[in-house]
Protein backbone atom coordinates (compact mmCIF):
# COMPACT_ATOMS: atom_id res chain seq x y z
CA MET A 1 138.57 139.46 -44.52
CA LYS A 2 141.16 136.84 -44.10
CA LYS A 3 142.37 134.59 -46.80
CA LYS A 4 141.32 131.28 -47.34
CA PHE A 5 143.83 128.66 -47.92
CA ASP A 6 143.04 126.23 -50.53
CA ALA A 7 142.72 122.72 -49.22
CA VAL A 8 142.00 119.35 -50.67
CA TYR A 9 139.60 116.87 -48.92
CA PHE A 10 138.77 113.65 -50.28
CA SER A 11 135.41 112.04 -49.72
CA SER A 12 136.58 108.82 -49.05
CA MET A 13 137.58 109.73 -45.52
CA ASN A 14 133.92 110.07 -44.57
CA TYR A 15 133.71 113.13 -42.59
CA THR A 16 130.17 113.90 -40.95
CA SER A 17 128.36 116.63 -43.11
CA GLU A 18 129.02 119.44 -40.30
CA ASN A 19 132.74 118.39 -40.48
CA VAL A 20 132.77 118.78 -44.68
CA ASP A 21 130.55 122.25 -43.94
CA PHE A 22 133.45 123.56 -41.82
CA ILE A 23 136.18 122.53 -44.01
CA LYS A 24 134.17 124.09 -46.71
CA GLU A 25 133.42 127.38 -44.30
CA HIS A 26 137.01 128.05 -43.76
CA PHE A 27 139.01 126.76 -46.71
CA ASN A 28 139.06 126.90 -50.37
CA VAL A 29 138.35 123.24 -51.00
CA LYS A 30 138.67 121.36 -53.67
CA ILE A 31 136.87 117.69 -52.89
CA LEU A 32 138.29 114.74 -54.61
CA SER A 33 136.38 111.39 -54.34
CA ASN A 34 139.88 109.49 -53.90
CA VAL A 35 143.79 109.63 -53.65
CA LYS A 36 144.07 108.66 -57.50
CA ASN A 37 142.84 112.12 -57.71
CA LEU A 38 145.01 113.99 -56.66
CA SER A 39 147.21 115.42 -59.62
CA PRO A 40 149.97 117.95 -59.44
CA LYS A 41 148.96 119.58 -62.65
CA LYS A 42 145.35 119.90 -60.92
CA ASN A 43 145.96 120.24 -57.53
CA ASN A 44 149.40 122.32 -57.41
CA ASN A 45 147.92 124.92 -55.44
CA VAL A 46 147.34 123.42 -52.64
CA GLU A 47 148.34 124.47 -49.33
CA VAL A 48 146.38 121.86 -46.99
CA LEU A 49 146.12 118.82 -47.28
CA PHE A 50 143.22 116.61 -45.34
CA ALA A 51 145.22 113.01 -45.78
CA PRO A 52 143.47 110.02 -45.48
CA PHE A 53 145.02 106.71 -44.56
CA GLU A 54 145.38 105.41 -47.81
CA LEU A 55 147.45 108.57 -48.67
CA SER A 56 151.28 108.18 -47.99
CA ILE A 57 152.65 111.71 -47.46
CA CYS A 58 156.21 111.27 -48.25
CA GLU A 59 158.81 112.84 -51.06
CA GLY A 60 157.72 110.98 -53.75
CA ASN A 61 154.14 111.74 -53.12
CA ILE A 62 153.87 115.03 -52.14
CA SER A 63 157.40 116.67 -53.41
CA GLN A 64 156.02 118.58 -56.37
CA TYR A 65 153.38 120.18 -54.07
CA ASN A 66 155.33 123.90 -53.51
CA LYS A 67 153.05 125.30 -51.51
CA LEU A 68 151.66 123.06 -49.47
CA LYS A 69 151.86 124.08 -45.49
CA VAL A 70 150.04 121.80 -43.55
CA VAL A 71 149.29 117.95 -43.80
CA ILE A 72 146.09 117.03 -41.49
CA SER A 73 144.78 113.43 -40.20
CA ASN A 74 142.37 112.40 -37.98
CA THR A 75 143.98 109.60 -37.42
CA THR A 76 145.57 108.22 -33.88
CA SER A 77 148.81 107.53 -35.12
CA ILE A 78 151.03 108.80 -38.09
CA PRO A 79 152.66 105.95 -39.75
CA LEU A 80 151.83 106.86 -43.17
CA ILE A 81 153.51 110.60 -42.88
CA ASP A 82 157.29 110.97 -43.38
CA ILE A 83 157.45 113.35 -40.33
CA ASN A 84 161.64 114.19 -41.59
CA PHE A 85 160.17 115.08 -44.65
CA CYS A 86 157.48 117.18 -43.54
CA LYS A 87 160.01 118.64 -41.18
CA LYS A 88 162.65 119.73 -44.10
CA LYS A 89 160.21 121.53 -46.22
CA ASN A 90 158.51 123.36 -43.13
CA ILE A 91 155.59 121.50 -43.67
CA LYS A 92 153.08 121.30 -40.13
CA ILE A 93 151.47 117.94 -39.30
CA ALA A 94 148.06 118.28 -37.56
CA ALA A 95 147.19 114.65 -35.76
CA LEU A 96 145.76 113.13 -32.97
CA HIS A 97 149.26 111.25 -32.29
CA ASP A 98 149.74 114.33 -29.97
CA GLU A 99 146.64 114.80 -28.41
CA GLN A 100 146.68 112.57 -25.31
CA ARG A 101 144.35 114.18 -23.07
CA TYR A 102 142.02 113.84 -26.04
CA LEU A 103 142.98 110.78 -27.16
CA LYS A 104 142.17 108.85 -23.15
CA ARG A 105 138.13 109.97 -24.31
CA ILE A 106 138.32 108.27 -27.51
CA THR A 107 136.99 104.56 -27.24
CA PRO A 108 135.69 103.26 -30.61
CA THR A 109 138.96 100.93 -31.05
CA ALA A 110 138.59 99.40 -27.71
CA GLU A 111 134.67 98.93 -28.20
CA HIS A 112 135.38 97.31 -31.87
CA THR A 113 137.74 94.87 -30.40
CA PHE A 114 135.64 93.92 -27.61
CA GLY A 115 132.76 93.88 -29.79
CA LEU A 116 134.45 91.31 -32.17
CA MET A 117 135.76 88.93 -29.47
CA LEU A 118 131.90 88.99 -28.32
CA ALA A 119 130.79 88.45 -32.05
CA CYS A 120 132.97 85.60 -32.41
CA TYR A 121 132.70 83.49 -28.64
CA ARG A 122 128.63 84.38 -28.76
CA ASN A 123 128.74 83.34 -32.17
CA ILE A 124 126.42 86.24 -32.89
CA ILE A 125 126.68 85.84 -36.96
CA PRO A 126 125.66 82.77 -37.17
CA ALA A 127 122.97 82.70 -34.99
CA PHE A 128 121.90 86.43 -36.43
CA ARG A 129 121.35 84.54 -39.66
CA ASP A 130 119.82 81.55 -38.36
CA VAL A 131 117.28 83.71 -37.29
CA LYS A 132 116.95 85.59 -40.28
CA HIS A 133 116.26 82.03 -41.84
CA GLY A 134 113.32 81.94 -39.59
CA ASN A 135 115.14 79.60 -36.75
CA TRP A 136 115.32 80.23 -33.27
CA SER A 137 117.93 77.14 -32.18
CA ARG A 138 119.02 78.87 -29.22
CA TRP A 139 121.07 76.10 -27.80
CA ASN A 140 123.14 75.58 -30.95
CA PHE A 141 124.81 78.89 -30.53
CA VAL A 142 125.42 78.97 -26.37
CA ALA A 143 128.84 79.72 -25.55
CA PRO A 144 130.90 76.98 -22.96
CA LYS A 145 131.37 79.85 -20.47
CA MET A 146 130.26 83.08 -18.95
CA LEU A 147 132.80 85.91 -19.53
CA SER A 148 132.64 86.65 -16.10
CA ARG A 149 134.52 83.49 -15.28
CA MET A 150 137.40 83.44 -18.05
CA LYS A 151 140.71 85.35 -18.48
CA ILE A 152 141.83 87.43 -20.99
CA GLY A 153 145.58 88.37 -22.28
CA LEU A 154 146.46 91.59 -23.55
CA VAL A 155 149.48 91.74 -25.74
CA GLY A 156 150.02 95.94 -25.37
CA TYR A 157 149.26 98.04 -22.23
CA GLY A 158 149.25 101.14 -23.94
CA ARG A 159 146.11 103.44 -24.57
CA LEU A 160 144.25 101.07 -26.32
CA GLY A 161 145.12 97.81 -24.01
CA LYS A 162 144.24 100.07 -21.03
CA LYS A 163 140.65 100.33 -22.72
CA VAL A 164 140.06 97.03 -23.26
CA GLU A 165 141.36 95.91 -19.87
CA LYS A 166 138.61 98.14 -18.51
CA ILE A 167 135.95 96.47 -20.35
CA ALA A 168 137.04 93.15 -19.56
CA LYS A 169 136.86 93.88 -16.03
CA ALA A 170 133.35 95.05 -16.17
CA PHE A 171 132.19 91.89 -17.51
CA GLY A 172 134.22 90.40 -14.39
CA MET A 173 137.08 88.67 -16.49
CA ARG A 174 140.54 88.16 -15.13
CA VAL A 175 143.02 90.61 -17.17
CA PHE A 176 146.52 89.87 -17.97
CA TRP A 177 148.97 91.58 -19.98
CA PHE A 178 152.63 91.39 -21.72
CA ASP A 179 153.99 94.64 -22.84
CA PRO A 180 157.79 94.43 -23.55
CA ASN A 181 157.58 98.23 -22.84
CA LYS A 182 156.05 98.65 -19.37
CA ARG A 183 156.61 97.47 -16.22
CA GLY A 184 154.24 95.46 -14.28
CA GLY A 185 152.27 92.61 -16.14
CA GLU A 186 153.54 89.29 -17.10
CA LYS A 187 157.47 89.11 -17.70
CA THR A 188 156.85 87.21 -21.17
CA LEU A 189 154.58 86.28 -23.72
CA LYS A 190 154.85 82.77 -23.18
CA GLY A 191 154.26 83.47 -19.41
CA MET A 192 150.83 85.53 -19.96
CA ALA A 193 149.82 82.40 -22.10
CA LYS A 194 150.29 80.07 -19.46
CA LYS A 195 147.74 81.58 -17.25
CA ILE A 196 145.09 82.45 -19.85
């Protein structure tokens, strides 16, 4: 039987129960409630660390974990992981940032972005509160225009910008974008702002 690696997982990461069961099945896992409970004295055998976004993976935080082999993050970027330190210590990083084919299918952030825009523009939260109080004053919460007659300006045209563009176009909106790192789009942020 294969040796199971010693791992630390934080319940604050809120993985689904199926994923937590998978971790329990494949690792000798210690589940901690939050990052404040991670201590070299109690967890010095950790080989695999499931890193929540609030844990900075840097020399100051993990240099005492001499057996650490892998840091796992379920985030789409890894700004809190010191890649150079991990390379120096031969610690592997398993995260979504390199999984471009997979990331192209991930839509929650774009959905959330558009949902927030709809909630604000359509006055959804005040209208919901009004209905909860037994009112039905539809005309108090009407938006001034249909989205299909509006324009939207996107700052950044990477993976997320393209997904928001797709949703906006599905609503019939005209989309303008600015990204200094991409060809096409508007030449300046100011120029884009004038068009919308």
